[in-house]
Amino acid sequence: MISVPHADGRRADGELSGFRRAFYDSLTRRADALFELGDAVLCTDGPVRSIAELSLVGEHRRGHGSGYAALACGGIDIARLRTALSAVSIPRAADGRLVLAVDVTSWLRPEAHTGRQRILCHTYGRGKDQHMMVPGWPYSVVVALESGRGSWTVPLDAVRLAPGDDAATVTAAQVRGVVDRLVVAGHWRSGDPDIMLVADAGYDGPRLAHVLADLPITVLVRMRSDRVLRRPAPPHAPGTRGRPRRHGGEFAFGDPATWGEPDVDTRTQTRLYGPAHARAWDRLHPRLTHRIAWAGHAGNLPILEGTVIRLQVDHLPSGAVPKPVWLWHSRTGLDPVAVDLSWQAFLRRFDIEHTFRMLKQTLGWTTPKLRSPEQADRWTWLLLATYTQLRLARGLAADLRRPWERTVSPERMSPARLRRGFRHLRPHLACPARVPKPSRPGPGRPAGVPNTEPAPRHDVHTATSTNGQKPKQRKKTKSTTPRPRRTG
């Protein structure tokens, strides 16, 4: 599992103040207003309901319109802020490696007809197969994972997916930038274990492993239960006519008759799921074709071998019947210890969902009705910086425990619980924002005069083909007998 570094009060205090200065230095326009807006998010009572109400917080010394004005006209040096986020302390796994997780979360804006660059975002409904496509701004977020019975993560980067962007290409470039900054910051040196990237089934793991092969990184992704991989090709017998085989026999996830004996078979007792049974099969690869992501690949397609891990637990905390989890690891020859560390690291990936919920429900990430995507980017990076300050304040802020809550150690405090005491910690930290100058509000539009220049309306972007023509819309019906996916 992943270990959390010991909280040293003096070190954490200096690191937190240093990050606050670095965050202020990354603000290029309306720096004081943006910085105090972030402090208001950290010091307000309860969830953030609106930007204007943050001006009522004592730490916010400016007018109620300064927050929206700062998001509209302010500026953030994102490259500099990314460097500051990568320079903070980052937890490591039990074997000393860094574990990263990547996922996409959406800022839904279905009624924002004046918002540019909205894309149809996938959302889940309450019932089975009730997913919908809602217009919004999707963001790809990369975090570093911690361990233990908590929900903390270390946000490192966020990229908004623009219309026409390929999610796999954007994710690969994003992870490459994060790894480069971690190497520059000294978090990874030559001789250290490879950085592990954990992702869900929506990502093409073999494709990411191939694109990021020049980096010290291993890829661990979940695969759908209907996938079919291939074994290594048998040796070419002398005297056999024809081209040598590139793929061996099939390994169908849904057909146990094709599995054979596993190379690794382990059982581990867990606290929440009971006995966990993990089996691994070595040197399995998908059968790639010159389609979709591999359409422009010149020459023969690569053979991307890895290790397939099947995890089966005894029960779930909710009481639901557990389904097996299929994982694909980009390395071969894993021993039992590496297999156990792999599926345990994947289970920690769900902490990124807690981070998304914290950003949306408590810090108010999707609360303001911003018009332009540039404003949404500034607000997103502002909240990532505030969340990082909360993490660096662990062990420093007082525990303002409710009467019905249990007493926990400082490292076990949740982000929302630690946020209650940040107001008392703030006077002891660096506050580089300057005192506001007295000013008068502008005249604005006279009362009774209508707006003669309405904001332009923008259509929602949908998927387009490579030649610029809209694809044919076909009604999709779920098959009663779905076929296994035999290609990558």
Protein backbone atom coordinates (compact mmCIF):
# COMPACT_ATOMS: atom_id res chain seq x y z
CA MET A 1 0.00 0.00 0.00
CA ILE A 2 0.96 3.67 -0.14
CA SER A 3 2.34 5.38 2.96
CA VAL A 4 1.69 8.97 4.08
CA PRO A 5 4.78 10.90 5.19
CA HIS A 6 4.99 11.82 8.86
CA ALA A 7 3.54 15.26 9.58
CA ASP A 8 6.27 17.57 10.90
CA GLY A 9 4.68 20.80 12.12
CA ARG A 10 7.65 23.07 11.46
CA ARG A 11 8.35 21.60 8.04
CA ALA A 12 4.68 21.60 7.00
CA ASP A 13 4.24 25.20 8.16
CA GLY A 14 7.18 26.34 6.06
CA GLU A 15 6.05 24.27 3.09
CA LEU A 16 2.52 25.67 3.29
CA SER A 17 3.72 29.27 3.48
CA GLY A 18 6.14 28.64 0.64
CA PHE A 19 3.39 27.24 -1.54
CA ARG A 20 1.16 30.24 -0.78
CA ARG A 21 3.93 32.57 -1.96
CA ALA A 22 4.48 30.48 -5.08
CA PHE A 23 0.76 30.52 -5.77
CA TYR A 24 0.64 34.31 -5.41
CA ASP A 25 3.64 34.68 -7.73
CA SER A 26 1.82 32.67 -10.41
CA LEU A 27 -1.05 35.20 -10.48
CA THR A 28 -0.28 37.68 -13.26
CA ARG A 29 -3.39 39.93 -13.21
CA ARG A 30 -5.80 40.73 -10.35
CA ALA A 31 -3.42 38.78 -8.12
CA ASP A 32 -4.68 40.21 -4.81
CA ALA A 33 -8.33 39.60 -5.65
CA LEU A 34 -7.70 36.04 -6.84
CA PHE A 35 -5.56 35.20 -3.81
CA GLU A 36 -8.14 36.50 -1.31
CA LEU A 37 -10.86 34.70 -3.24
CA GLY A 38 -9.01 31.46 -2.61
CA ASP A 39 -8.63 32.30 1.09
CA ALA A 40 -12.35 33.01 1.28
CA VAL A 41 -13.04 29.54 -0.12
CA LEU A 42 -10.85 28.04 2.60
CA CYS A 43 -12.24 30.12 5.47
CA THR A 44 -15.96 30.30 4.77
CA ASP A 45 -18.41 28.27 6.83
CA GLY A 46 -20.09 25.47 4.94
CA PRO A 47 -20.12 24.78 1.21
CA VAL A 48 -19.47 27.55 -1.30
CA ARG A 49 -22.80 28.69 -2.72
CA SER A 50 -21.79 31.67 -4.88
CA ILE A 51 -18.80 33.87 -5.68
CA ALA A 52 -20.54 37.01 -4.43
CA GLU A 53 -21.26 35.51 -1.00
CA LEU A 54 -17.54 34.87 -0.53
CA SER A 55 -17.11 38.65 -0.16
CA LEU A 56 -18.93 38.39 3.20
CA VAL A 57 -16.07 36.31 4.62
CA GLY A 58 -13.76 38.38 6.82
CA GLU A 59 -10.64 37.23 4.99
CA HIS A 60 -12.02 38.72 1.75
CA ARG A 61 -11.42 42.48 2.00
CA ARG A 62 -12.88 43.49 -1.35
CA GLY A 63 -16.30 44.14 -2.81
CA HIS A 64 -18.81 41.55 -3.89
CA GLY A 65 -18.06 42.14 -7.57
CA SER A 66 -14.32 41.70 -7.30
CA GLY A 67 -14.53 37.89 -7.40
CA TYR A 68 -16.30 37.70 -10.74
CA ALA A 69 -14.13 40.54 -12.07
CA ALA A 70 -10.98 38.65 -11.07
CA LEU A 71 -12.18 35.49 -12.82
CA ALA A 72 -13.14 37.47 -15.91
CA CYS A 73 -10.07 39.75 -16.21
CA GLY A 74 -7.49 38.03 -14.01
CA GLY A 75 -4.56 35.95 -15.15
CA ILE A 76 -2.79 32.81 -13.91
CA ASP A 77 0.58 31.57 -15.13
CA ILE A 78 -0.51 27.94 -15.36
CA ALA A 79 2.97 26.65 -16.18
CA ARG A 80 4.36 28.27 -13.03
CA LEU A 81 1.49 26.97 -10.91
CA ARG A 82 2.01 23.46 -12.28
CA THR A 83 5.64 23.65 -11.19
CA ALA A 84 4.59 24.77 -7.72
CA LEU A 85 2.12 21.88 -7.40
CA SER A 86 4.82 19.38 -8.42
CA ALA A 87 7.32 20.80 -5.92
CA VAL A 88 5.28 19.98 -2.79
CA SER A 89 5.74 16.78 -0.82
CA ILE A 90 4.19 13.71 -2.49
CA PRO A 91 3.50 10.36 -0.79
CA ARG A 92 5.00 7.12 -2.05
CA ALA A 93 3.97 3.48 -2.14
CA ALA A 94 5.33 0.82 0.15
CA ASP A 95 8.00 -0.08 -2.41
CA GLY A 96 9.02 3.60 -2.81
CA ARG A 97 7.25 4.33 -6.10
CA LEU A 98 4.92 7.21 -6.97
CA VAL A 99 1.37 6.25 -7.93
CA LEU A 100 -0.60 8.55 -10.24
CA ALA A 101 -4.27 8.37 -11.18
CA VAL A 102 -5.98 10.03 -14.13
CA ASP A 103 -9.67 10.52 -14.77
CA VAL A 104 -12.10 12.89 -16.50
CA THR A 105 -14.75 14.85 -14.62
CA SER A 106 -17.27 17.20 -16.19
CA TRP A 107 -18.51 20.67 -15.36
CA LEU A 108 -22.04 20.34 -16.70
CA ARG A 109 -23.54 23.47 -18.32
CA PRO A 110 -26.70 22.31 -20.13
CA GLU A 111 -28.39 25.75 -20.16
CA ALA A 112 -25.32 27.92 -20.83
CA HIS A 113 -26.16 28.76 -24.42
CA THR A 114 -23.64 31.63 -24.40
CA GLY A 115 -20.80 29.36 -23.22
CA ARG A 116 -18.21 28.47 -25.82
CA GLN A 117 -16.57 25.09 -26.44
CA ARG A 118 -19.16 22.98 -24.65
CA ILE A 119 -19.00 19.26 -25.37
CA LEU A 120 -21.48 16.46 -24.78
CA CYS A 121 -20.31 14.85 -21.52
CA HIS A 122 -21.21 11.34 -20.42
CA THR A 123 -23.23 11.19 -17.18
CA TYR A 124 -24.71 8.26 -15.30
CA GLY A 125 -28.39 8.05 -14.44
CA ARG A 126 -30.02 6.52 -11.43
CA GLY A 127 -31.19 3.34 -13.18
CA LYS A 128 -29.34 0.68 -15.10
CA ASP A 129 -28.22 1.81 -18.56
CA GLN A 130 -29.70 5.28 -17.93
CA HIS A 131 -26.61 7.26 -18.91
CA MET A 132 -27.11 10.57 -20.72
CA MET A 133 -25.04 13.04 -22.70
CA VAL A 134 -25.18 16.52 -21.15
CA PRO A 135 -23.36 19.62 -22.51
CA GLY A 136 -20.48 20.83 -20.38
CA TRP A 137 -16.74 21.29 -20.03
CA PRO A 138 -14.83 18.04 -19.38
CA TYR A 139 -11.55 18.20 -17.47
CA SER A 140 -8.81 15.58 -17.37
CA VAL A 141 -7.23 15.56 -13.90
CA VAL A 142 -4.02 13.85 -12.75
CA VAL A 143 -3.44 13.26 -9.04
CA ALA A 144 -0.96 11.37 -6.88
CA LEU A 145 -2.51 8.79 -4.55
CA GLU A 146 -2.09 8.30 -0.83
CA SER A 147 -2.88 5.29 1.30
CA GLY A 148 -4.66 4.50 4.50
CA ARG A 149 -8.28 4.95 5.43
CA GLY A 150 -8.66 8.43 3.98
CA SER A 151 -9.73 10.30 0.87
CA TRP A 152 -6.76 12.62 0.27
CA THR A 153 -5.05 12.96 -3.09
CA VAL A 154 -2.36 15.26 -4.49
CA PRO A 155 -3.67 17.20 -7.52
CA LEU A 156 -0.90 17.78 -10.05
CA ASP A 157 -2.56 18.87 -13.29
CA ALA A 158 -5.90 19.62 -14.97
CA VAL A 159 -6.58 20.06 -18.68
CA ARG A 160 -9.92 21.03 -20.22
CA LEU A 161 -10.78 18.93 -23.25
CA ALA A 162 -11.56 21.25 -26.16
CA PRO A 163 -13.83 20.29 -29.08
CA GLY A 164 -12.01 17.93 -31.43
CA ASP A 165 -9.43 16.80 -28.86
CA ASP A 166 -8.61 13.13 -28.64
CA ALA A 167 -8.82 12.10 -24.99
CA ALA A 168 -6.03 9.52 -25.32
CA THR A 169 -3.64 12.00 -26.96
CA VAL A 170 -4.40 14.71 -24.41
CA THR A 171 -3.94 12.27 -21.53
CA ALA A 172 -0.60 11.03 -22.86
CA ALA A 173 0.73 14.59 -23.25
CA GLN A 174 -0.62 15.50 -19.83
CA VAL A 175 1.02 12.54 -18.08
CA ARG A 176 4.27 13.22 -19.92
CA GLY A 177 4.32 16.78 -18.62
CA VAL A 178 3.55 15.65 -15.06
CA VAL A 179 6.34 13.06 -15.08
CA ASP A 180 8.83 15.58 -16.48
CA ARG A 181 7.99 18.06 -13.72
CA LEU A 182 8.27 15.37 -11.04
CA VAL A 183 11.72 14.45 -12.34
CA VAL A 184 12.81 18.10 -12.33
CA ALA A 185 11.46 18.55 -8.79
CA GLY A 186 13.54 15.59 -7.60
CA HIS A 187 10.66 13.26 -6.77
CA TRP A 188 12.07 10.62 -9.12
CA ARG A 189 15.75 9.87 -9.68
CA SER A 190 17.61 7.29 -11.67
CA GLY A 191 17.40 3.95 -9.89
CA ASP A 192 14.00 4.60 -8.28
CA PRO A 193 11.05 2.29 -9.06
CA ASP A 194 8.99 3.26 -12.08
CA ILE A 195 6.06 5.60 -11.56
CA MET A 196 2.73 3.76 -11.75
CA LEU A 197 -0.18 5.26 -13.69
CA VAL A 198 -3.60 3.92 -12.69
CA ALA A 199 -6.66 4.46 -14.89
CA ASP A 200 -10.16 3.11 -15.35
CA ALA A 201 -11.63 1.12 -18.23
CA GLY A 202 -12.27 4.22 -20.34
CA TYR A 203 -8.55 4.48 -21.15
CA ASP A 204 -6.64 2.40 -23.65
CA GLY A 205 -3.91 1.00 -21.42
CA PRO A 206 -1.77 -0.62 -24.13
CA ARG A 207 -1.91 2.58 -26.19
CA LEU A 208 -0.76 4.68 -23.20
CA ALA A 209 2.02 2.21 -22.45
CA HIS A 210 3.23 2.40 -26.06
CA VAL A 211 3.15 6.21 -26.24
CA LEU A 212 4.84 6.63 -22.83
CA ALA A 213 7.39 3.84 -23.32
CA ASP A 214 10.32 6.29 -23.13
CA LEU A 215 9.32 7.44 -19.63
CA PRO A 216 9.99 5.64 -16.32
CA ILE A 217 6.32 4.73 -15.97
CA THR A 218 4.18 1.60 -15.81
CA VAL A 219 0.51 1.56 -16.76
CA LEU A 220 -2.22 -0.25 -14.82
CA VAL A 221 -5.75 -0.03 -16.23
CA ARG A 222 -9.00 -1.83 -15.73
CA MET A 223 -10.37 -3.72 -18.72
CA ARG A 224 -13.92 -4.58 -19.58
CA SER A 225 -15.06 -8.09 -18.75
CA ASP A 226 -15.82 -8.86 -22.41
CA ARG A 227 -12.27 -8.37 -23.69
CA VAL A 228 -10.32 -11.07 -25.50
CA LEU A 229 -6.51 -10.94 -25.47
CA ARG A 230 -3.94 -13.13 -27.20
CA ARG A 231 -1.14 -15.31 -25.93
CA PRO A 232 2.41 -15.23 -27.37
CA ALA A 233 2.74 -16.72 -30.82
CA PRO A 234 4.15 -20.25 -30.91
CA PRO A 235 7.60 -20.71 -32.45
CA HIS A 236 7.73 -21.09 -36.19
CA ALA A 237 8.39 -24.73 -36.96
CA PRO A 238 11.15 -25.41 -39.52
CA GLY A 239 9.82 -26.26 -42.94
CA THR A 240 6.44 -24.69 -42.31
CA ARG A 241 5.19 -22.68 -45.23
CA GLY A 242 3.61 -19.25 -44.89
CA ARG A 243 4.16 -16.23 -42.75
CA PRO A 244 4.98 -16.80 -39.05
CA ARG A 245 2.09 -16.28 -36.68
CA ARG A 246 1.96 -13.01 -34.74
CA HIS A 247 -0.65 -14.04 -32.18
CA GLY A 248 -1.22 -17.14 -30.14
CA GLY A 249 -4.40 -18.59 -28.68
CA GLU A 250 -7.22 -16.49 -27.29
CA PHE A 251 -7.64 -15.53 -23.65
CA ALA A 252 -11.31 -14.59 -23.26
CA PHE A 253 -12.18 -12.91 -19.97
CA GLY A 254 -15.69 -14.37 -20.08
CA ASP A 255 -14.62 -17.94 -20.91
CA PRO A 256 -12.74 -19.70 -18.08
CA ALA A 257 -11.91 -22.58 -20.43
CA THR A 258 -9.39 -20.32 -22.20
CA TRP A 259 -7.57 -19.16 -19.08
CA GLY A 260 -5.37 -22.08 -18.19
CA GLU A 261 -3.28 -22.18 -15.04
CA PRO A 262 -2.33 -18.73 -13.68
CA ASP A 263 1.30 -17.74 -13.28
CA VAL A 264 0.54 -16.09 -9.91
CA ASP A 265 -2.19 -17.07 -7.45
CA THR A 266 -2.50 -15.13 -4.17
CA ARG A 267 -5.09 -14.70 -1.41
CA THR A 268 -5.17 -11.70 0.91
CA GLN A 269 -7.46 -10.92 3.84
CA THR A 270 -8.92 -7.38 3.59
CA ARG A 271 -10.87 -5.32 6.10
CA LEU A 272 -13.77 -4.24 3.86
CA TYR A 273 -14.00 -6.98 1.24
CA GLY A 274 -13.05 -10.13 3.10
CA PRO A 275 -10.72 -12.59 1.34
CA ALA A 276 -9.37 -11.17 -1.92
CA HIS A 277 -8.33 -13.72 -4.53
CA ALA A 278 -5.94 -12.43 -7.21
CA ARG A 279 -4.76 -14.47 -10.18
CA ALA A 280 -2.35 -13.25 -12.87
CA TRP A 281 -1.51 -14.51 -16.35
CA ASP A 282 1.74 -13.34 -17.91
CA ARG A 283 2.53 -12.14 -21.47
CA LEU A 284 -0.94 -11.38 -22.82
CA HIS A 285 -1.52 -8.72 -25.47
CA PRO A 286 -4.44 -7.24 -27.45
CA ARG A 287 -4.75 -7.89 -31.17
CA LEU A 288 -4.38 -4.42 -32.68
CA THR A 289 -5.81 -3.31 -36.01
CA HIS A 290 -5.23 -0.26 -38.20
CA ARG A 291 -8.29 1.51 -36.90
CA ILE A 292 -9.13 4.39 -34.57
CA ALA A 293 -5.97 5.27 -32.63
CA TRP A 294 -3.76 2.99 -34.74
CA ALA A 295 -5.10 4.14 -38.12
CA GLY A 296 -2.02 6.25 -38.89
CA HIS A 297 0.55 3.78 -37.61
CA ALA A 298 3.12 2.92 -40.28
CA GLY A 299 4.33 -0.64 -40.65
CA ASN A 300 3.42 -3.60 -38.51
CA LEU A 301 1.49 -2.92 -35.34
CA PRO A 302 3.44 -3.58 -32.12
CA ILE A 303 2.91 -6.53 -29.82
CA LEU A 304 2.18 -4.94 -26.42
CA GLU A 305 2.55 -7.71 -23.88
CA GLY A 306 1.55 -7.31 -20.27
CA THR A 307 0.15 -9.11 -17.25
CA VAL A 308 -3.58 -9.66 -16.77
CA ILE A 309 -4.80 -9.70 -13.16
CA ARG A 310 -8.21 -10.99 -12.10
CA LEU A 311 -9.35 -9.79 -8.68
CA GLN A 312 -12.30 -11.42 -6.95
CA VAL A 313 -13.42 -10.35 -3.46
CA ASP A 314 -15.78 -12.12 -1.09
CA HIS A 315 -18.29 -9.31 -0.44
CA LEU A 316 -18.84 -5.56 -0.77
CA PRO A 317 -19.62 -3.11 2.06
CA SER A 318 -22.91 -2.20 0.35
CA GLY A 319 -24.06 -5.80 0.32
CA ALA A 320 -24.12 -6.03 -3.49
CA VAL A 321 -22.83 -9.12 -5.26
CA PRO A 322 -19.18 -8.44 -6.17
CA LYS A 323 -18.08 -8.79 -9.77
CA PRO A 324 -14.52 -9.70 -10.75
CA VAL A 325 -12.18 -6.87 -11.71
CA TRP A 326 -9.85 -7.38 -14.68
CA LEU A 327 -6.61 -5.36 -14.72
CA TRP A 328 -3.90 -5.06 -17.35
CA HIS A 329 -0.34 -4.28 -16.20
CA SER A 330 2.18 -3.07 -18.77
CA ARG A 331 5.02 -5.10 -17.23
CA THR A 332 5.58 -8.83 -17.51
CA GLY A 333 7.08 -11.28 -15.05
CA LEU A 334 5.31 -9.95 -11.95
CA ASP A 335 5.85 -11.82 -8.69
CA PRO A 336 3.11 -12.29 -6.05
CA VAL A 337 4.17 -9.17 -4.14
CA ALA A 338 3.97 -7.01 -7.26
CA VAL A 339 0.56 -8.45 -8.13
CA ASP A 340 -0.82 -7.61 -4.68
CA LEU A 341 0.61 -4.10 -4.78
CA SER A 342 -0.94 -3.58 -8.22
CA TRP A 343 -4.55 -4.38 -7.34
CA GLN A 344 -4.23 -2.52 -4.04
CA ALA A 345 -3.01 0.55 -5.92
CA PHE A 346 -5.98 0.28 -8.28
CA LEU A 347 -8.41 0.25 -5.36
CA ARG A 348 -6.84 3.51 -4.15
CA ARG A 349 -7.76 5.03 -7.54
CA PHE A 350 -11.28 5.60 -6.25
CA ASP A 351 -9.92 8.34 -3.98
CA ILE A 352 -9.94 10.62 -7.01
CA GLU A 353 -13.74 10.41 -6.93
CA HIS A 354 -13.70 11.76 -3.37
CA THR A 355 -11.55 14.64 -4.58
CA PHE A 356 -14.04 15.45 -7.33
CA ARG A 357 -16.88 15.38 -4.83
CA MET A 358 -14.94 17.67 -2.47
CA LEU A 359 -14.26 20.15 -5.27
CA LYS A 360 -17.85 20.18 -6.48
CA GLN A 361 -19.96 19.88 -3.33
CA THR A 362 -17.83 21.72 -0.75
CA LEU A 363 -15.44 24.04 -2.55
CA GLY A 364 -18.04 24.98 -5.17
CA TRP A 365 -16.17 24.09 -8.34
CA THR A 366 -19.30 23.87 -10.53
CA THR A 367 -21.28 26.50 -8.55
CA PRO A 368 -20.50 29.79 -10.40
CA LYS A 369 -22.31 30.44 -13.66
CA LEU A 370 -19.27 31.47 -15.67
CA ARG A 371 -19.66 32.28 -19.34
CA SER A 372 -16.30 31.63 -20.98
CA PRO A 373 -14.14 28.50 -20.68
CA GLU A 374 -11.14 30.72 -19.80
CA GLN A 375 -12.95 31.83 -16.64
CA ALA A 376 -13.70 28.19 -15.85
CA ASP A 377 -9.99 27.37 -16.21
CA ARG A 378 -9.00 30.12 -13.76
CA TRP A 379 -11.56 28.96 -11.21
CA THR A 380 -10.43 25.34 -11.62
CA TRP A 381 -6.77 26.14 -10.99
CA LEU A 382 -7.72 28.38 -8.09
CA LEU A 383 -9.52 25.51 -6.39
CA LEU A 384 -6.68 23.08 -7.06
CA ALA A 385 -4.38 25.51 -5.27
CA THR A 386 -6.79 25.81 -2.32
CA TYR A 387 -7.13 22.04 -2.07
CA THR A 388 -3.33 21.74 -2.01
CA GLN A 389 -3.21 24.23 0.87
CA LEU A 390 -5.68 22.08 2.78
CA ARG A 391 -3.48 19.03 2.30
CA LEU A 392 -0.35 20.87 3.43
CA ALA A 393 -2.24 22.07 6.54
CA ARG A 394 -2.68 18.53 7.87
CA GLY A 395 -1.34 18.39 11.39
CA LEU A 396 -1.44 22.21 11.71
CA ALA A 397 -5.11 23.21 11.69
CA ALA A 398 -7.20 22.65 14.82
CA ASP A 399 -9.77 19.88 14.80
CA LEU A 400 -13.12 21.61 15.30
CA ARG A 401 -14.96 18.39 15.99
CA ARG A 402 -18.73 18.22 16.04
CA PRO A 403 -20.26 16.68 19.21
CA TRP A 404 -21.33 13.57 17.31
CA GLU A 405 -17.99 13.03 15.56
CA ARG A 406 -15.21 10.77 16.77
CA THR A 407 -11.77 11.99 17.69
CA VAL A 408 -9.25 11.12 14.98
CA SER A 409 -5.56 11.74 14.44
CA PRO A 410 -4.51 14.74 12.32
CA GLU A 411 -3.57 12.48 9.41
CA ARG A 412 -7.02 10.88 9.48
CA MET A 413 -8.98 14.14 9.26
CA SER A 414 -11.04 14.51 6.10
CA PRO A 415 -10.57 17.56 3.84
CA ALA A 416 -13.94 19.05 4.81
CA ARG A 417 -13.26 18.58 8.52
CA LEU A 418 -9.79 20.09 8.31
CA ARG A 419 -11.20 23.09 6.42
CA ARG A 420 -13.16 24.17 9.51
CA GLY A 421 -9.98 25.11 11.36
CA PHE A 422 -8.08 26.74 8.49
CA ARG A 423 -9.36 30.19 9.47
CA HIS A 424 -7.50 29.98 12.78
CA LEU A 425 -4.32 28.85 11.01
CA ARG A 426 -4.31 31.54 8.32
CA PRO A 427 -2.97 34.44 10.51
CA HIS A 428 0.20 32.38 11.11
CA LEU A 429 0.84 31.83 7.39
CA ALA A 430 2.25 34.01 4.64
CA CYS A 431 -0.42 36.37 3.24
CA PRO A 432 1.20 38.28 0.37
CA ALA A 433 -2.05 39.91 -0.84
CA ARG A 434 -1.99 43.69 -0.46
CA VAL A 435 -4.61 45.86 1.23
CA PRO A 436 -7.26 46.99 -1.27
CA LYS A 437 -7.28 50.63 -2.35
CA PRO A 438 -10.47 52.67 -1.87
CA SER A 439 -12.46 53.00 -5.07
CA ARG A 440 -15.93 53.72 -6.34
CA PRO A 441 -18.00 51.39 -8.49
CA GLY A 442 -18.61 52.33 -12.10
CA PRO A 443 -21.92 53.79 -13.27
CA GLY A 444 -22.97 50.67 -15.12
CA ARG A 445 -25.92 50.57 -17.46
CA PRO A 446 -28.61 53.11 -16.52
CA ALA A 447 -31.79 51.72 -15.09
CA GLY A 448 -34.46 51.06 -17.68
CA VAL A 449 -32.05 50.93 -20.62
CA PRO A 450 -32.10 47.50 -22.26
CA ASN A 451 -28.99 45.67 -23.33
CA THR A 452 -28.54 46.27 -27.06
CA GLU A 453 -25.60 43.87 -27.44
CA PRO A 454 -26.69 40.44 -26.25
CA ALA A 455 -24.07 37.75 -25.84
CA PRO A 456 -23.68 35.46 -28.84
CA ARG A 457 -25.07 31.93 -28.67
CA HIS A 458 -22.88 28.91 -29.31
CA ASP A 459 -23.84 25.41 -30.37
CA VAL A 460 -22.78 22.31 -28.47
CA HIS A 461 -19.92 20.46 -30.15
CA THR A 462 -20.42 16.82 -31.00
CA ALA A 463 -18.08 14.21 -32.44
CA THR A 464 -16.96 14.88 -36.02
CA SER A 465 -15.17 12.66 -38.50
CA THR A 466 -11.63 13.29 -39.70
CA ASN A 467 -12.75 14.85 -42.99
CA GLY A 468 -14.83 17.49 -41.24
CA GLN A 469 -18.22 15.98 -42.14
CA LYS A 470 -20.74 15.07 -39.51
CA PRO A 471 -21.08 11.33 -38.99
CA LYS A 472 -24.34 9.59 -39.68
CA GLN A 473 -26.51 9.33 -36.62
CA ARG A 474 -27.55 5.75 -36.03
CA LYS A 475 -29.89 4.54 -33.36
CA LYS A 476 -27.96 2.30 -31.00
CA THR A 477 -29.70 -0.65 -29.43
CA LYS A 478 -28.16 -2.85 -26.81
CA SER A 479 -27.63 -6.36 -28.07
CA THR A 480 -28.98 -9.24 -26.03
CA THR A 481 -25.99 -11.37 -27.03
CA PRO A 482 -22.98 -9.02 -27.08
CA ARG A 483 -19.85 -10.24 -28.83
CA PRO A 484 -16.51 -10.22 -26.99
CA ARG A 485 -14.08 -7.53 -28.03
CA ARG A 486 -11.30 -9.37 -29.83
CA THR A 487 -9.40 -6.32 -31.10
CA GLY A 488 -7.68 -3.47 -29.32
